Protein backbone atom coordinates (compact mmCIF):
# COMPACT_ATOMS: atom_id res chain seq x y z
CA MET A 1 76.49 255.42 346.00
CA ILE A 2 73.35 257.48 345.28
CA PRO A 3 73.01 260.52 347.53
CA GLU A 4 69.86 260.94 349.58
CA PRO A 5 67.48 263.70 348.50
CA ALA A 6 67.56 266.93 350.43
CA ALA A 7 65.15 267.34 353.33
CA GLY A 8 61.73 268.42 352.10
CA PHE A 9 62.31 267.09 348.55
CA ASP A 10 59.04 265.95 346.98
CA ALA A 11 59.72 263.14 344.48
CA THR A 12 56.23 263.46 343.00
CA VAL A 13 57.20 266.83 341.51
CA PHE A 14 60.09 265.27 339.55
CA PRO A 15 59.19 261.63 338.89
CA GLU A 16 62.09 259.43 337.74
CA SER A 17 60.21 258.18 334.72
CA ALA A 18 57.76 260.65 333.24
CA VAL A 19 56.08 258.66 330.48
CA ALA A 20 53.86 260.75 328.22
CA THR A 21 51.27 259.71 325.66
CA TYR A 22 51.47 261.04 322.10
CA ASN A 23 49.36 260.65 318.97
CA ILE A 24 50.75 259.89 315.52
CA ASN A 25 48.35 261.23 312.90
CA ILE A 26 48.18 260.88 309.13
CA ARG A 27 46.84 263.79 307.07
CA THR A 28 46.27 263.47 303.34
CA GLU A 29 44.34 265.54 300.82
CA SER A 30 41.31 263.29 301.37
CA HIS A 31 41.28 262.62 305.14
CA ILE A 32 42.81 262.98 308.58
CA ALA A 33 43.32 259.91 310.73
CA ASP A 34 44.36 259.64 314.39
CA THR A 35 46.15 256.37 313.88
CA LEU A 36 48.39 255.48 316.79
CA ARG A 37 48.80 256.38 320.45
CA VAL A 38 52.28 255.79 321.85
CA ASP A 39 53.78 256.15 325.32
CA LYS A 40 57.39 257.35 325.36
CA ASP A 41 59.84 258.38 328.07
CA ASP A 42 61.52 261.12 326.05
CA LEU A 43 61.40 262.99 322.75
CA THR A 44 64.32 261.09 321.22
CA GLU A 45 62.37 257.83 321.59
CA LEU A 46 59.34 259.58 320.12
CA ARG A 47 61.24 260.76 317.01
CA ILE A 48 62.61 257.24 316.46
CA GLU A 49 59.10 255.78 316.76
CA LEU A 50 57.82 258.35 314.24
CA ALA A 51 60.55 257.46 311.73
CA ARG A 52 59.81 253.73 312.09
CA PHE A 53 56.08 254.38 311.71
CA VAL A 54 56.62 256.37 308.49
CA GLY A 55 58.85 253.61 307.09
CA GLU A 56 56.23 250.94 307.79
CA LEU A 57 53.47 253.16 306.42
CA LEU A 58 55.28 253.59 303.11
CA LYS A 59 56.11 249.90 302.91
CA ASP A 60 52.54 248.78 303.64
CA HIS A 61 50.74 251.43 301.55
CA ALA A 62 53.16 252.28 298.74
CA ASP A 63 50.37 252.24 296.17
CA LEU A 64 48.31 254.89 297.99
CA ILE A 65 50.96 257.61 297.90
CA TRP A 66 50.16 258.08 294.20
CA GLU A 67 46.43 258.61 294.90
CA ASP A 68 46.84 261.24 297.65
CA GLN A 69 50.16 262.67 296.57
CA ASN A 70 50.79 264.78 299.68
CA TRP A 71 50.94 263.13 303.07
CA GLN A 72 51.71 264.69 306.40
CA ILE A 73 52.47 262.50 309.40
CA ASP A 74 52.58 264.44 312.62
CA VAL A 75 52.92 263.81 316.32
CA THR A 76 50.79 265.65 318.84
CA ASP A 77 50.81 265.65 322.60
CA ASP A 78 47.63 265.06 324.64
CA ALA A 79 46.79 268.77 324.42
CA GLY A 80 46.86 268.61 320.58
CA LEU A 81 50.09 270.56 320.16
CA ILE A 82 51.95 269.41 317.03
CA LEU A 83 55.51 268.47 318.04
CA TYR A 84 56.95 266.90 314.86
CA VAL A 85 55.94 266.72 311.20
CA VAL A 86 57.14 264.45 308.39
CA LYS A 87 55.92 265.41 304.91
CA ILE A 88 55.86 263.03 301.97
CA CYS A 89 55.21 264.27 298.46
CA ALA A 90 54.96 262.07 295.37
CA VAL A 91 55.32 263.93 292.08
CA GLU A 92 55.22 262.59 288.52
CA THR A 93 57.39 264.51 286.12
CA PRO A 94 57.06 264.63 282.32
């Protein structure tokens, strides 16, 4: 049984499902792209989405990593605050 909220409780202050919108961006030496907007309920879901996005990005564009050898994939909130960063560096050695 779920207890009733206390008298005077305002449910709009603490919504049950606070979905937020985030931006996944790709930054390379040659450009910056705002590539994907995602709506997630919590930061764990957001980190999982970021990891999946990076995996698909590498799979679909494996040839490009050697042209722009340093990639940064980051997630920002709607205010532009960077929350997470994944860096990919491709280096040829002698």
